[in-house]
C-alpha atoms as a PDB file:
ATOM      1  CA  UNK A   1      -8.319  14.053   9.851  1.00  0.00           C
ATOM      2  CA  UNK A   2     -11.254  15.297  11.914  1.00  0.00           C
ATOM      3  CA  UNK A   3      -9.443  14.611  15.170  1.00  0.00           C
ATOM      4  CA  UNK A   4      -6.284  16.320  13.930  1.00  0.00           C
ATOM      5  CA  UNK A   5      -8.251  19.450  12.991  1.00  0.00           C
ATOM      6  CA  UNK A   6     -10.775  19.662  15.831  1.00  0.00           C
ATOM      7  CA  UNK A   7      -8.717  18.193  18.662  1.00  0.00           C
ATOM      8  CA  UNK A   8     -11.679  15.973  19.542  1.00  0.00           C
ATOM      9  CA  UNK A   9     -12.590  12.333  19.104  1.00  0.00           C
ATOM     10  CA  UNK A  10     -15.928  12.672  17.309  1.00  0.00           C
ATOM     11  CA  UNK A  11     -15.865   9.141  15.880  1.00  0.00           C
ATOM     12  CA  UNK A  12     -19.194   8.228  17.476  1.00  0.00           C
ATOM     13  CA  UNK A  13     -20.868  11.318  16.063  1.00  0.00           C
ATOM     14  CA  UNK A  14     -19.388  10.916  12.592  1.00  0.00           C
ATOM     15  CA  UNK A  15     -19.853   7.141  12.242  1.00  0.00           C
ATOM     16  CA  UNK A  16     -23.545   7.301  11.347  1.00  0.00           C
ATOM     17  CA  UNK A  17     -22.823   9.719   8.495  1.00  0.00           C
ATOM     18  CA  UNK A  18     -19.849   8.068   6.783  1.00  0.00           C
ATOM     19  CA  UNK A  19     -22.024   6.376   4.153  1.00  0.00           C
ATOM     20  CA  UNK A  20     -23.128   9.835   2.939  1.00  0.00           C
ATOM     21  CA  UNK A  21     -19.630  11.356   2.950  1.00  0.00           C
ATOM     22  CA  UNK A  22     -18.230  13.191  -0.026  1.00  0.00           C
ATOM     23  CA  UNK A  23     -14.447  12.876  -0.081  1.00  0.00           C
ATOM     24  CA  UNK A  24     -11.894  14.985  -1.922  1.00  0.00           C
ATOM     25  CA  UNK A  25      -9.170  12.645  -3.121  1.00  0.00           C
ATOM     26  CA  UNK A  26      -6.029  14.561  -4.038  1.00  0.00           C
ATOM     27  CA  UNK A  27      -2.587  13.572  -5.258  1.00  0.00           C
ATOM     28  CA  UNK A  28      -1.571  12.383  -1.790  1.00  0.00           C
ATOM     29  CA  UNK A  29      -4.829  10.657  -0.850  1.00  0.00           C
ATOM     30  CA  UNK A  30      -7.835  12.031   1.002  1.00  0.00           C
ATOM     31  CA  UNK A  31      -7.465  15.781   1.516  1.00  0.00           C
ATOM     32  CA  UNK A  32     -10.924  16.581   2.845  1.00  0.00           C
ATOM     33  CA  UNK A  33     -14.460  15.430   3.498  1.00  0.00           C
ATOM     34  CA  UNK A  34     -18.003  16.774   3.545  1.00  0.00           C
ATOM     35  CA  UNK A  35     -20.696  15.133   5.651  1.00  0.00           C
ATOM     36  CA  UNK A  36     -23.968  16.551   4.286  1.00  0.00           C
ATOM     37  CA  UNK A  37     -26.132  14.619   6.737  1.00  0.00           C
ATOM     38  CA  UNK A  38     -24.271  15.689   9.870  1.00  0.00           C
ATOM     39  CA  UNK A  39     -25.714  18.890  11.283  1.00  0.00           C
ATOM     40  CA  UNK A  40     -25.265  21.775   8.881  1.00  0.00           C
ATOM     41  CA  UNK A  41     -22.942  19.728   6.666  1.00  0.00           C
ATOM     42  CA  UNK A  42     -19.498  19.737   8.181  1.00  0.00           C
ATOM     43  CA  UNK A  43     -16.484  20.201   5.928  1.00  0.00           C
ATOM     44  CA  UNK A  44     -12.981  19.450   7.158  1.00  0.00           C
ATOM     45  CA  UNK A  45     -10.055  19.751   4.766  1.00  0.00           C
ATOM     46  CA  UNK A  46      -6.305  19.493   4.968  1.00  0.00           C
ATOM     47  CA  UNK A  47      -5.800  21.625   1.845  1.00  0.00           C
ATOM     48  CA  UNK A  48      -7.452  24.788   0.591  1.00  0.00           C
ATOM     49  CA  UNK A  49      -8.174  23.143  -2.765  1.00  0.00           C
ATOM     50  CA  UNK A  50     -10.135  20.370  -1.069  1.00  0.00           C
ATOM     51  CA  UNK A  51     -11.907  22.795   1.248  1.00  0.00           C
ATOM     52  CA  UNK A  52     -13.014  25.108  -1.544  1.00  0.00           C
ATOM     53  CA  UNK A  53     -14.176  22.314  -3.832  1.00  0.00           C
ATOM     54  CA  UNK A  54     -16.199  20.783  -1.019  1.00  0.00           C
ATOM     55  CA  UNK A  55     -17.662  24.209  -0.190  1.00  0.00           C
ATOM     56  CA  UNK A  56     -18.739  24.582  -3.826  1.00  0.00           C
ATOM     57  CA  UNK A  57     -20.412  21.182  -3.627  1.00  0.00           C
ATOM     58  CA  UNK A  58     -22.225  22.087  -0.406  1.00  0.00           C
ATOM     59  CA  UNK A  59     -23.331  25.478  -1.739  1.00  0.00           C
ATOM     60  CA  UNK A  60     -25.254  23.795  -4.566  1.00  0.00           C
ATOM     61  CA  UNK A  61     -27.952  22.965  -2.002  1.00  0.00           C
ATOM     62  CA  UNK A  62     -27.299  25.575   0.714  1.00  0.00           C
ATOM     63  CA  UNK A  63     -27.361  29.347   0.746  1.00  0.00           C
ATOM     64  CA  UNK A  64     -24.900  29.923   3.559  1.00  0.00           C
ATOM     65  CA  UNK A  65     -21.739  28.648   5.188  1.00  0.00           C
ATOM     66  CA  UNK A  66     -20.564  28.857   8.781  1.00  0.00           C
ATOM     67  CA  UNK A  67     -16.844  28.636   9.424  1.00  0.00           C
ATOM     68  CA  UNK A  68     -14.245  30.181  11.737  1.00  0.00           C
ATOM     69  CA  UNK A  69     -13.049  33.696  10.998  1.00  0.00           C
ATOM     70  CA  UNK A  70      -9.533  32.210  11.052  1.00  0.00           C
ATOM     71  CA  UNK A  71     -10.285  30.491   7.742  1.00  0.00           C
ATOM     72  CA  UNK A  72      -9.307  33.369   5.485  1.00  0.00           C
ATOM     73  CA  UNK A  73      -9.434  31.165   2.364  1.00  0.00           C
ATOM     74  CA  UNK A  74     -13.125  30.378   2.960  1.00  0.00           C
ATOM     75  CA  UNK A  75     -13.795  34.043   3.758  1.00  0.00           C
ATOM     76  CA  UNK A  76     -12.187  35.195   0.492  1.00  0.00           C
ATOM     77  CA  UNK A  77     -14.124  32.581  -1.454  1.00  0.00           C
ATOM     78  CA  UNK A  78     -17.460  33.699  -0.005  1.00  0.00           C
ATOM     79  CA  UNK A  79     -16.650  37.351  -0.778  1.00  0.00           C
ATOM     80  CA  UNK A  80     -15.890  36.336  -4.377  1.00  0.00           C
ATOM     81  CA  UNK A  81     -19.341  34.708  -4.485  1.00  0.00           C
ATOM     82  CA  UNK A  82     -20.846  38.079  -3.480  1.00  0.00           C
ATOM     83  CA  UNK A  83     -21.840  36.767  -0.075  1.00  0.00           C
ATOM     84  CA  UNK A  84     -21.766  38.981   2.976  1.00  0.00           C
ATOM     85  CA  UNK A  85     -21.364  38.062   6.613  1.00  0.00           C
ATOM     86  CA  UNK A  86     -24.690  38.429   8.338  1.00  0.00           C
ATOM     87  CA  UNK A  87     -23.775  37.247  11.791  1.00  0.00           C
ATOM     88  CA  UNK A  88     -20.725  36.541  13.915  1.00  0.00           C
ATOM     89  CA  UNK A  89     -20.673  34.336  16.982  1.00  0.00           C
ATOM     90  CA  UNK A  90     -18.136  33.741  19.717  1.00  0.00           C
ATOM     91  CA  UNK A  91     -16.719  30.305  20.264  1.00  0.00           C
ATOM     92  CA  UNK A  92     -17.602  28.843  23.618  1.00  0.00           C
ATOM     93  CA  UNK A  93     -15.937  25.987  25.394  1.00  0.00           C
ATOM     94  CA  UNK A  94     -16.128  24.161  28.656  1.00  0.00           C
ATOM     95  CA  UNK A  95     -13.110  22.491  30.196  1.00  0.00           C
ATOM     96  CA  UNK A  96      -9.641  22.046  28.803  1.00  0.00           C
ATOM     97  CA  UNK A  97      -8.797  24.061  25.724  1.00  0.00           C
ATOM     98  CA  UNK A  98      -8.203  21.873  22.664  1.00  0.00           C
ATOM     99  CA  UNK A  99      -5.762  22.510  19.864  1.00  0.00           C
ATOM    100  CA  UNK A 100      -8.043  23.333  16.953  1.00  0.00           C
ATOM    101  CA  UNK A 101      -6.817  24.156  13.455  1.00  0.00           C
ATOM    102  CA  UNK A 102      -9.573  26.619  12.609  1.00  0.00           C
ATOM    103  CA  UNK A 103      -8.228  27.299   9.128  1.00  0.00           C
ATOM    104  CA  UNK A 104      -9.093  23.710   8.139  1.00  0.00           C
ATOM    105  CA  UNK A 105     -12.785  23.978   9.043  1.00  0.00           C
ATOM    106  CA  UNK A 106     -14.804  24.991   5.967  1.00  0.00           C
ATOM    107  CA  UNK A 107     -18.238  24.458   7.503  1.00  0.00           C
ATOM    108  CA  UNK A 108     -19.201  23.636  11.063  1.00  0.00           C
ATOM    109  CA  UNK A 109     -21.306  20.717  12.206  1.00  0.00           C
ATOM    110  CA  UNK A 110     -23.751  22.891  14.152  1.00  0.00           C
ATOM    111  CA  UNK A 111     -23.695  25.505  16.876  1.00  0.00           C
ATOM    112  CA  UNK A 112     -23.964  22.955  19.608  1.00  0.00           C
ATOM    113  CA  UNK A 113     -21.052  20.708  18.546  1.00  0.00           C
ATOM    114  CA  UNK A 114     -18.645  22.829  16.504  1.00  0.00           C
END
């Protein structure tokens, strides 16, 4: 799922954090995951239900969320929680452009690795 969303093979980065993963299991199997020990707590989800539920879980211990502006579902959710955007950043890349499904990223890993 991570590769399909990010366009990258981050298996090596993710492997050390799998044992701490929180998984959203929907009607059709795994619909999303939250890796609280990886960077800022990455959340990748194939459905908005999974993404929002995992965001709620993450926000129990965190005061903020960082996700692409393209994820309008996450944006609407944060507005409903009375949160306001306090900073916007540009996405940087080096090399070949990857196909990224930004709307399926509900929290980034960290600024240095997406």
